[in-house]
Amino acid sequence: MKSFTKPWPTTQLLGITVDCPRREDLLNRILEHVKDRGQTTHLVTMNAEMAYSATQDSEFHKILAQADMIIPDGIGVVWALGHQGVPVSRLPGVELVEELFKQAPSQGLRLAILGSSPETLKAFQDQLPERFGQVNLVFARNGYFKPEEEEQIIAELNHARPDVLFVALGVPKQENWIARWRNQLEIPLLMGVGGSFDVLSGRLDRAPVCMQRSHLEWLFRLYQQPTRWRRMLALPRFVMTVLRT
């Protein structure tokens, strides 16, 4: 099977290789790869919290180092690379997921979802025909499964033969899961997507455009989910770590 070649530059952030593609080049390359049924590729959408976590957790850092592609999802990562003199565009994972669902009917993509809550998954699936047309969603299972069920999940996924698997188990669980099972999965693209389906299903609102443009999506997310405040403490620590390097 063909490996995932990258026609764009890469750079380093806190010892992590980050890809710097243009949005359209990334989408076109993904579509080429999945149509060719290329070798299993792990795509990470990295924000500042993930990057900082990797500096504190050697096992998580190793998982990111083994990923095939890491794109700058969060504005913190974009800022940090800019601080290093590397201008990049932000590539939000939720937008990439949405675009792949939009492209699915015309491109004949076979898509799969593993994760999210049962309520989120149902709400998203109910909206599929109206929003995206006849999407071939060949597998959908929520994230509430036991470890002893995983081998059966792998077998079901391989039988379904999706082109893309969206793993919505949250960070770092989704990256750990992909790293553990990728060699047994016959799927061209594995993508950890966090809470993307919470947003795409409408169960969570995305920040207003004015807040997106002001790079305040993190603040809007905190407003909607105040229990995330402890996780947000990683942001100033990430900034200080970048400034010290």
Protein backbone atom coordinates (compact mmCIF):
# COMPACT_ATOMS: atom_id res chain seq x y z
CA MET A 1 0.00 0.00 0.00
CA LYS A 2 1.11 3.54 -0.70
CA SER A 3 2.51 5.61 2.17
CA PHE A 4 1.25 9.11 2.88
CA THR A 5 3.65 11.47 1.08
CA LYS A 6 3.46 15.16 1.99
CA PRO A 7 3.93 17.91 -0.62
CA TRP A 8 4.37 20.62 2.05
CA PRO A 9 6.97 21.67 4.62
CA THR A 10 7.16 20.55 8.24
CA THR A 11 8.60 22.24 11.31
CA GLN A 12 9.33 21.48 14.96
CA LEU A 13 7.48 22.65 18.08
CA LEU A 14 8.70 21.48 21.50
CA GLY A 15 10.25 18.43 19.88
CA ILE A 16 7.11 17.57 17.90
CA THR A 17 7.01 17.54 14.10
CA VAL A 18 4.18 19.77 12.83
CA ASP A 19 2.91 19.81 9.25
CA CYS A 20 2.37 23.15 7.52
CA PRO A 21 0.00 22.51 4.60
CA ARG A 22 -2.45 24.86 3.00
CA ARG A 23 -6.04 23.87 3.67
CA GLU A 24 -6.83 22.91 0.07
CA ASP A 25 -3.58 20.94 -0.31
CA LEU A 26 -4.34 18.97 2.85
CA LEU A 27 -7.85 18.07 1.72
CA ASN A 28 -6.72 17.12 -1.80
CA ARG A 29 -3.91 14.92 -0.48
CA ILE A 30 -6.26 13.17 1.97
CA LEU A 31 -8.75 12.45 -0.82
CA GLU A 32 -6.00 11.03 -3.03
CA HIS A 33 -4.70 8.85 -0.22
CA VAL A 34 -8.03 7.34 0.76
CA LYS A 35 -9.07 6.71 -2.85
CA ASP A 36 -5.83 4.77 -3.35
CA ARG A 37 -6.54 2.81 -0.13
CA GLY A 38 -3.09 3.84 1.03
CA GLN A 39 -1.46 2.52 4.18
CA THR A 40 -3.03 3.37 7.52
CA THR A 41 -2.21 6.98 8.41
CA HIS A 42 -2.68 8.66 11.79
CA LEU A 43 -3.67 12.34 11.60
CA VAL A 44 -3.45 14.43 14.79
CA THR A 45 -5.13 17.83 15.14
CA MET A 46 -2.96 19.44 17.79
CA ASN A 47 -3.80 22.30 20.13
CA ALA A 48 -1.70 23.94 22.85
CA GLU A 49 -2.99 21.65 25.58
CA MET A 50 -1.85 18.58 23.65
CA ALA A 51 1.55 20.09 22.88
CA TYR A 52 2.13 20.97 26.53
CA SER A 53 0.94 17.54 27.70
CA ALA A 54 3.54 15.96 25.45
CA THR A 55 6.28 17.87 27.30
CA GLN A 56 5.07 16.39 30.59
CA ASP A 57 4.24 12.84 29.47
CA SER A 58 6.94 10.92 27.63
CA GLU A 59 4.54 8.20 26.48
CA PHE A 60 2.18 10.75 24.96
CA HIS A 61 5.14 12.48 23.32
CA LYS A 62 6.14 9.14 21.81
CA ILE A 63 2.65 8.64 20.40
CA LEU A 64 2.73 12.07 18.75
CA ALA A 65 6.20 11.35 17.40
CA GLN A 66 4.87 8.19 15.76
CA ALA A 67 1.88 9.95 14.16
CA ASP A 68 2.12 10.40 10.40
CA MET A 69 0.76 13.92 10.32
CA ILE A 70 0.14 16.65 12.92
CA ILE A 71 -1.69 19.79 11.88
CA PRO A 72 -2.07 23.04 13.88
CA ASP A 73 -5.62 22.96 15.20
CA GLY A 74 -5.41 25.51 18.03
CA ILE A 75 -4.49 29.17 17.84
CA GLY A 76 -1.90 28.56 20.56
CA VAL A 77 0.05 26.29 18.22
CA VAL A 78 -0.22 28.86 15.41
CA TRP A 79 1.06 31.57 17.80
CA ALA A 80 3.95 29.41 18.99
CA LEU A 81 5.09 28.61 15.45
CA GLY A 82 4.79 32.28 14.52
CA HIS A 83 6.95 33.11 17.54
CA GLN A 84 9.56 30.79 16.02
CA GLY A 85 9.30 32.61 12.70
CA VAL A 86 7.19 29.94 11.01
CA PRO A 87 3.91 31.43 9.73
CA VAL A 88 1.19 28.78 9.39
CA SER A 89 -2.55 28.72 8.90
CA ARG A 90 -4.81 27.29 11.57
CA LEU A 91 -6.54 24.09 10.44
CA PRO A 92 -9.40 23.35 12.87
CA GLY A 93 -10.16 19.66 13.07
CA VAL A 94 -13.91 20.28 13.24
CA GLU A 95 -13.76 22.04 9.86
CA LEU A 96 -11.81 19.19 8.29
CA VAL A 97 -14.35 16.65 9.60
CA GLU A 98 -17.21 18.73 8.23
CA GLU A 99 -15.52 19.10 4.84
CA LEU A 100 -14.95 15.36 4.53
CA PHE A 101 -18.64 14.73 5.23
CA LYS A 102 -19.53 17.34 2.59
CA GLN A 103 -17.23 15.66 0.07
CA ALA A 104 -18.33 12.13 0.92
CA PRO A 105 -21.32 11.79 -1.47
CA SER A 106 -19.52 13.15 -4.55
CA GLN A 107 -16.21 11.41 -3.76
CA GLY A 108 -17.78 8.10 -2.80
CA LEU A 109 -16.16 8.12 0.64
CA ARG A 110 -16.95 5.45 3.20
CA LEU A 111 -16.87 7.05 6.65
CA ALA A 112 -16.89 5.65 10.19
CA ILE A 113 -17.27 7.13 13.68
CA LEU A 114 -16.07 5.66 16.95
CA GLY A 115 -16.80 7.74 20.03
CA SER A 116 -18.96 10.59 21.33
CA SER A 117 -21.98 10.02 23.54
CA PRO A 118 -25.01 8.04 22.32
CA GLU A 119 -27.05 11.26 22.32
CA THR A 120 -24.48 13.16 20.25
CA LEU A 121 -24.08 10.34 17.77
CA LYS A 122 -27.83 10.01 17.25
CA ALA A 123 -28.30 13.77 16.88
CA PHE A 124 -25.55 13.91 14.25
CA GLN A 125 -26.81 10.89 12.31
CA ASP A 126 -30.34 12.31 12.26
CA GLN A 127 -29.02 15.42 10.50
CA LEU A 128 -26.85 13.65 7.92
CA PRO A 129 -29.24 13.44 4.92
CA GLU A 130 -30.41 17.04 5.18
CA ARG A 131 -26.98 18.56 5.76
CA PHE A 132 -24.67 16.39 3.68
CA GLY A 133 -26.79 14.25 1.37
CA GLN A 134 -26.38 10.50 1.03
CA VAL A 135 -23.29 9.95 3.13
CA ASN A 136 -22.11 6.34 3.26
CA LEU A 137 -21.59 6.05 7.03
CA VAL A 138 -20.57 2.41 7.22
CA PHE A 139 -19.89 2.23 10.98
CA ALA A 140 -20.99 4.30 13.97
CA ARG A 141 -20.50 3.36 17.60
CA ASN A 142 -20.42 5.56 20.70
CA GLY A 143 -17.43 5.74 22.99
CA TYR A 144 -18.90 3.72 25.84
CA PHE A 145 -17.29 0.33 25.33
CA LYS A 146 -15.23 -1.98 27.50
CA PRO A 147 -11.62 -3.03 26.78
CA GLU A 148 -12.74 -6.60 26.15
CA GLU A 149 -14.99 -5.35 23.33
CA GLU A 150 -12.19 -3.69 21.38
CA GLU A 151 -11.07 -6.67 19.33
CA GLN A 152 -14.65 -7.12 18.12
CA ILE A 153 -14.79 -3.41 17.24
CA ILE A 154 -11.59 -3.80 15.20
CA ALA A 155 -13.08 -6.77 13.36
CA GLU A 156 -16.30 -4.86 12.63
CA LEU A 157 -14.37 -1.84 11.37
CA ASN A 158 -12.22 -3.89 9.03
CA HIS A 159 -15.30 -5.66 7.72
CA ALA A 160 -16.98 -2.28 7.06
CA ARG A 161 -13.91 -1.05 5.11
CA PRO A 162 -14.23 2.69 5.76
CA ASP A 163 -11.87 5.11 4.07
CA VAL A 164 -11.77 7.38 7.12
CA LEU A 165 -12.31 6.61 10.80
CA PHE A 166 -13.08 9.55 13.09
CA VAL A 167 -12.14 8.64 16.67
CA ALA A 168 -14.00 10.89 19.11
CA LEU A 169 -12.80 9.63 22.49
CA GLY A 170 -11.18 12.83 23.75
CA VAL A 171 -7.51 13.65 24.33
CA PRO A 172 -5.33 11.70 25.04
CA LYS A 173 -7.55 8.59 24.99
CA GLN A 174 -8.23 8.79 21.25
CA GLU A 175 -4.53 9.13 20.36
CA ASN A 176 -3.67 6.24 22.68
CA TRP A 177 -6.39 4.10 21.10
CA ILE A 178 -5.27 4.85 17.55
CA ALA A 179 -1.62 4.14 18.39
CA ARG A 180 -2.56 0.84 20.00
CA TRP A 181 -4.72 -0.49 17.18
CA ARG A 182 -3.50 1.17 13.99
CA ASN A 183 -1.44 -1.82 12.85
CA GLN A 184 -4.55 -4.00 12.95
CA LEU A 185 -6.82 -1.53 11.16
CA GLU A 186 -7.13 -1.65 7.36
CA ILE A 187 -8.27 1.96 7.08
CA PRO A 188 -6.39 4.64 5.10
CA LEU A 189 -7.00 7.51 7.53
CA LEU A 190 -7.43 7.51 11.32
CA MET A 191 -8.22 10.91 12.79
CA GLY A 192 -8.71 11.88 16.44
CA VAL A 193 -11.46 14.49 16.50
CA GLY A 194 -12.18 15.20 20.18
CA GLY A 195 -15.52 16.95 20.61
CA SER A 196 -16.06 17.74 16.93
CA PHE A 197 -19.34 15.85 16.77
CA ASP A 198 -20.66 17.71 19.82
CA VAL A 199 -20.32 20.85 17.70
CA LEU A 200 -21.44 19.35 14.39
CA SER A 201 -24.52 17.80 16.01
CA GLY A 202 -25.53 21.15 17.49
CA ARG A 203 -25.25 19.91 21.08
CA LEU A 204 -22.49 22.47 21.56
CA ASP A 205 -22.28 25.80 19.76
CA ARG A 206 -19.13 26.88 18.00
CA ALA A 207 -17.84 30.30 18.98
CA PRO A 208 -19.31 33.25 17.06
CA VAL A 209 -17.26 34.33 14.05
CA CYS A 210 -16.13 37.50 15.86
CA MET A 211 -14.62 35.37 18.66
CA GLN A 212 -13.03 33.02 16.14
CA ARG A 213 -11.39 35.97 14.41
CA SER A 214 -10.23 37.33 17.78
CA HIS A 215 -8.77 33.90 18.65
CA LEU A 216 -11.10 33.52 21.64
CA GLU A 217 -12.72 30.18 20.81
CA TRP A 218 -11.09 28.71 23.92
CA LEU A 219 -12.93 31.27 26.07
CA PHE A 220 -16.28 30.46 24.47
CA ARG A 221 -15.63 26.74 25.01
CA LEU A 222 -14.89 27.45 28.68
CA TYR A 223 -18.12 29.43 28.94
CA GLN A 224 -20.09 26.45 27.60
CA GLN A 225 -18.16 23.88 29.60
CA PRO A 226 -16.89 25.53 32.82
CA THR A 227 -15.71 22.14 34.12
CA ARG A 228 -12.83 22.46 31.65
CA TRP A 229 -11.18 25.20 33.74
CA ARG A 230 -8.49 22.87 35.13
CA ARG A 231 -7.52 21.82 31.60
CA MET A 232 -7.24 25.47 30.58
CA LEU A 233 -4.39 25.91 33.06
CA ALA A 234 -2.21 24.21 30.46
CA LEU A 235 -2.47 27.29 28.21
CA PRO A 236 -0.32 29.73 30.25
CA ARG A 237 2.09 26.88 30.99
CA PHE A 238 2.37 26.19 27.28
CA VAL A 239 3.09 29.87 26.59
CA MET A 240 5.84 29.97 29.23
CA THR A 241 7.36 26.75 27.90
CA VAL A 242 7.48 28.15 24.37
CA LEU A 243 9.01 31.44 25.54
CA ARG A 244 11.72 29.59 27.45
CA THR A 245 12.78 27.50 24.42
